[in-house]
Protein backbone atom coordinates (compact mmCIF):
# COMPACT_ATOMS: atom_id res chain seq x y z
CA MET A 1 0.01 -0.03 0.00
CA ARG A 2 1.36 3.39 -1.00
CA PRO A 3 1.06 6.17 1.71
CA PHE A 4 -0.93 9.21 0.87
CA PRO A 5 0.91 12.49 0.49
CA HIS A 6 1.87 14.34 3.61
CA LYS A 7 1.88 11.34 6.12
CA ALA A 8 0.61 12.20 9.55
CA ALA A 9 3.33 12.42 12.24
CA LEU A 10 3.11 10.13 15.30
CA ALA A 11 1.53 11.86 18.37
CA ALA A 12 4.41 11.83 20.87
CA PRO A 13 7.75 10.16 21.67
CA LEU A 14 7.27 6.76 23.22
CA THR A 15 10.14 7.39 25.69
CA LEU A 16 7.91 9.92 27.39
CA LEU A 17 4.64 7.97 27.18
CA CYS A 18 5.70 4.56 28.42
CA LEU A 19 6.33 5.58 31.98
CA ALA A 20 4.00 3.99 34.57
CA ALA A 21 1.94 2.46 31.68
CA PRO A 22 -0.58 -0.42 32.87
CA ALA A 23 0.00 -3.87 31.52
CA LEU A 24 -1.81 -4.46 28.28
CA ALA A 25 -3.86 -7.60 27.89
CA LEU A 26 -3.13 -8.96 24.38
CA ASP A 27 -5.59 -11.33 22.73
CA PRO A 28 -4.35 -14.77 23.86
CA ALA A 29 -5.42 -16.18 20.52
CA SER A 30 -3.17 -13.81 18.58
CA SER A 31 -0.07 -15.34 17.12
CA ARG A 32 0.84 -12.15 15.30
CA LEU A 33 2.08 -9.83 18.10
CA LYS A 34 3.16 -11.22 21.49
CA VAL A 35 5.22 -10.09 24.38
CA LYS A 36 7.33 -12.75 26.30
CA GLY A 37 9.51 -11.29 28.91
CA GLU A 38 11.74 -8.60 27.25
CA THR A 39 10.99 -9.64 23.75
CA LEU A 40 8.09 -8.58 21.44
CA TYR A 41 7.42 -11.09 18.71
CA PHE A 42 5.92 -9.76 15.36
CA ASP A 43 5.10 -12.67 13.21
CA THR A 44 2.80 -12.11 10.18
CA GLU A 45 3.53 -15.35 8.63
CA ASN A 46 1.78 -17.48 11.12
CA ALA A 47 -0.98 -15.11 11.96
CA ALA A 48 -4.42 -16.43 12.89
CA ASP A 49 -7.11 -16.72 10.16
CA THR A 50 -8.78 -13.56 11.52
CA GLU A 51 -5.56 -11.52 11.44
CA ALA A 52 -3.79 -9.93 8.40
CA GLY A 53 -1.07 -12.02 6.84
CA GLU A 54 1.05 -8.94 6.20
CA ILE A 55 2.21 -5.68 7.68
CA VAL A 56 -0.78 -3.35 7.76
CA THR A 57 -1.53 0.26 8.89
CA GLU A 58 -3.42 -1.12 11.98
CA ASP A 59 -0.11 -2.38 13.27
CA ILE A 60 1.15 1.08 13.85
CA ASP A 61 -1.08 1.85 16.76
CA LEU A 62 -0.91 -1.73 18.06
CA PHE A 63 2.93 -1.43 18.19
CA ARG A 64 2.68 1.89 20.14
CA GLU A 65 0.18 0.55 22.56
CA VAL A 66 2.07 -2.71 23.18
CA LEU A 67 5.38 -1.01 23.84
CA GLN A 68 3.80 1.66 26.02
CA ALA A 69 2.32 -1.04 28.20
CA ASN A 70 5.45 -3.14 28.23
CA PRO A 71 8.44 -0.85 28.94
CA GLN A 72 10.61 -3.79 29.75
CA VAL A 73 10.74 -4.89 26.12
CA THR A 74 14.27 -4.50 24.60
CA GLU A 75 14.04 -6.94 21.63
CA LEU A 76 11.90 -7.15 18.63
CA MET A 77 11.82 -10.65 16.99
CA LEU A 78 10.65 -10.43 13.36
CA ASN A 79 9.19 -13.04 10.81
CA SER A 80 7.33 -11.38 7.97
CA GLY A 81 7.05 -11.29 4.25
CA GLY A 82 6.47 -7.57 4.20
CA GLY A 83 3.33 -5.43 3.45
CA SER A 84 2.59 -1.80 3.75
CA ILE A 85 5.57 0.60 3.17
CA TYR A 86 3.84 3.31 5.07
CA ALA A 87 3.08 1.01 8.00
CA SER A 88 6.69 -0.44 8.12
CA SER A 89 8.21 3.03 7.96
CA GLU A 90 6.06 4.30 10.91
CA ILE A 91 6.81 1.23 12.90
CA ALA A 92 10.52 1.65 12.20
CA TRP A 93 10.31 5.20 13.66
CA ILE A 94 8.76 3.70 16.83
CA VAL A 95 11.43 0.94 17.09
CA THR A 96 14.19 3.60 16.73
CA ASP A 97 12.59 6.00 19.23
CA VAL A 98 12.28 3.11 21.89
CA GLY A 99 15.83 1.96 21.07
CA LEU A 100 14.97 -1.75 20.40
CA ASN A 101 17.32 -4.43 19.21
CA THR A 102 15.97 -6.52 16.36
CA THR A 103 16.40 -10.17 15.34
CA VAL A 104 15.05 -12.08 12.30
CA ASP A 105 13.84 -15.55 13.22
CA GLY A 106 12.56 -17.09 9.99
CA GLU A 107 12.30 -14.53 7.19
CA CYS A 108 12.34 -10.71 6.78
CA VAL A 109 11.45 -9.50 3.35
CA SER A 110 10.54 -6.26 1.62
CA ALA A 111 8.96 -3.78 3.93
CA CYS A 112 9.97 -5.81 7.03
CA VAL A 113 13.57 -4.98 6.32
CA ASP A 114 12.79 -1.27 7.23
CA ILE A 115 11.66 -2.39 10.56
CA PHE A 116 14.63 -4.63 11.04
CA LEU A 117 17.14 -1.81 10.12
CA ALA A 118 15.55 0.43 12.67
CA GLY A 119 17.03 -1.89 15.46
CA ASP A 120 20.08 -0.79 17.37
CA ARG A 121 21.77 -4.22 17.53
CA ARG A 122 20.73 -6.33 14.59
CA ARG A 123 20.91 -10.18 14.27
CA MET A 124 19.34 -13.09 12.57
CA THR A 125 19.11 -16.64 13.84
CA LEU A 126 20.77 -19.49 12.11
CA GLY A 127 18.79 -20.52 9.00
CA SER A 128 16.91 -17.27 8.80
CA LYS A 129 16.80 -15.08 5.69
CA ILE A 130 16.64 -11.38 4.88
CA GLY A 131 15.35 -10.49 1.29
CA PHE A 132 15.35 -7.38 -0.79
CA HIS A 133 13.65 -6.28 -3.91
CA ARG A 134 12.34 -3.05 -5.72
CA ARG A 135 9.19 -1.57 -4.55
CA SER A 136 6.08 -1.80 -6.80
CA TRP A 137 2.70 -0.30 -7.31
CA SER A 138 -0.03 -2.32 -8.93
CA PRO A 139 -2.12 -0.78 -11.82
CA ASP A 140 -5.37 -1.08 -9.80
CA SER A 141 -3.89 0.69 -6.83
CA VAL A 142 -2.49 3.35 -9.15
CA GLU A 143 -5.95 3.95 -10.61
CA SER A 144 -7.65 3.98 -7.16
CA TYR A 145 -5.04 6.46 -5.81
CA TYR A 146 -5.57 8.68 -8.85
CA GLU A 147 -9.41 8.66 -8.58
CA ASP A 148 -9.45 9.28 -4.82
CA LEU A 149 -7.00 12.18 -4.83
CA ARG A 150 -7.08 13.89 -8.14
CA GLU A 151 -9.26 16.78 -7.18
CA GLY A 152 -7.51 17.60 -3.99
CA GLN A 153 -4.14 17.23 -5.56
CA GLY A 154 -4.96 19.06 -8.77
CA TRP A 155 -4.19 16.17 -11.06
CA ASP A 156 -6.52 17.38 -13.86
CA THR A 157 -5.38 14.59 -16.27
CA PRO A 158 -3.63 11.23 -15.98
CA PHE A 159 -0.61 12.89 -17.63
CA VAL A 160 -0.33 15.40 -14.77
CA PHE A 161 -0.54 12.51 -12.34
CA GLY A 162 2.18 10.60 -14.20
CA SER A 163 4.42 13.66 -13.89
CA TRP A 164 3.77 13.64 -10.16
CA ILE A 165 4.56 9.95 -9.93
CA TYR A 166 7.83 10.42 -11.74
CA GLU A 167 8.92 13.05 -9.07
CA ASP A 168 7.46 11.24 -6.19
CA THR A 169 9.34 7.97 -7.09
CA GLN A 170 12.61 9.87 -7.08
CA ARG A 171 11.84 11.32 -3.69
CA GLU A 172 10.89 7.95 -2.29
CA MET A 173 14.04 6.27 -3.63
CA TYR A 174 16.13 9.07 -2.05
CA GLU A 175 14.35 8.62 1.32
CA TYR A 176 14.78 4.75 1.02
CA LEU A 177 18.55 4.99 0.32
CA SER A 178 19.09 7.69 2.82
CA PHE A 179 17.35 5.61 5.53
CA MET A 180 19.60 2.59 4.86
CA VAL A 181 22.79 4.73 4.99
CA SER A 182 21.64 6.51 8.16
CA ARG A 183 21.16 3.02 9.80
CA GLY A 184 24.88 2.24 8.86
CA VAL A 185 24.29 0.22 5.75
CA ASP A 186 27.01 0.56 3.08
CA ALA A 187 25.75 2.84 0.33
CA GLY A 188 26.97 0.48 -2.52
CA PHE A 189 24.97 -2.42 -0.78
CA ALA A 190 21.94 -0.19 -0.49
CA ILE A 191 21.93 0.50 -4.20
CA GLU A 192 22.28 -3.28 -4.91
CA THR A 193 19.01 -3.90 -3.06
CA LEU A 194 17.28 -2.19 -6.12
CA GLN A 195 18.57 -4.80 -8.62
CA VAL A 196 15.68 -7.29 -8.26
CA ASP A 197 12.10 -6.84 -9.49
CA SER A 198 9.16 -6.99 -7.02
CA GLY A 199 8.00 -10.55 -7.01
CA ASP A 200 11.56 -11.94 -6.75
CA GLU A 201 13.96 -11.67 -3.90
CA TRP A 202 17.72 -11.07 -3.43
CA TYR A 203 18.82 -13.11 -0.32
CA PRO A 204 22.39 -11.97 0.53
CA SER A 205 24.61 -14.18 2.62
CA ARG A 206 25.19 -13.58 6.28
CA LEU A 207 28.76 -12.65 5.50
CA GLU A 208 27.67 -10.11 2.90
CA MET A 209 25.21 -8.43 5.28
CA SER A 210 27.69 -8.33 8.20
CA ALA A 211 30.31 -6.61 5.92
CA ALA A 212 27.67 -4.18 4.69
CA GLY A 213 26.31 -3.21 8.00
CA VAL A 214 22.93 -4.76 7.69
CA LEU A 215 23.72 -7.19 10.56
CA ARG A 216 25.68 -5.68 13.51
CA GLU A 217 26.53 -7.23 16.79
CA THR A 218 27.16 -4.07 18.70
CA SER A 219 24.76 -1.23 19.51
CA GLU A 220 25.72 2.33 18.34
């Protein structure tokens, strides 16, 4: 899902809000988001039938609420094939604000990688994989986005909208690459993550990701 222009900012820093928060009773049937001790597990691959099987915008508020209610959490364990770019970028902001460490246990692909890179110390368990590919926008979603926003954005024709897409894509790629570099990832490696079409994956080796700064054993 592509974010609407001018994304809304989060309400307040979690470091201020989590003080003296009551314990949050999570749905015991949920396999998607669980707290065990100091670890928060986010697993969209084994979600219950009633839960979304990918990262969605509703996860933003849920992450905030869970972390406010569980200030003892220091680790985020990830297993996800990705989902909403907007949701993952907002969750990444939360993870950075709280100062969590991140670990992949299973797979972390596409938008999930943004959340993983927000971690302070970053690891993956043996046998796990981290996958990269270019972002995409389906024709149906493009049409819906144009129809919903064309009046408010002044897109009088599809050609005006196409011109906006061209500029917006460049801004988005700049923000994506800047984020990776700001998280300590080698710039050359960041560029290489754009080599594979959406629908396919590039799974670098553990050695490659350690050398490039994707994985790091020490906090900074």
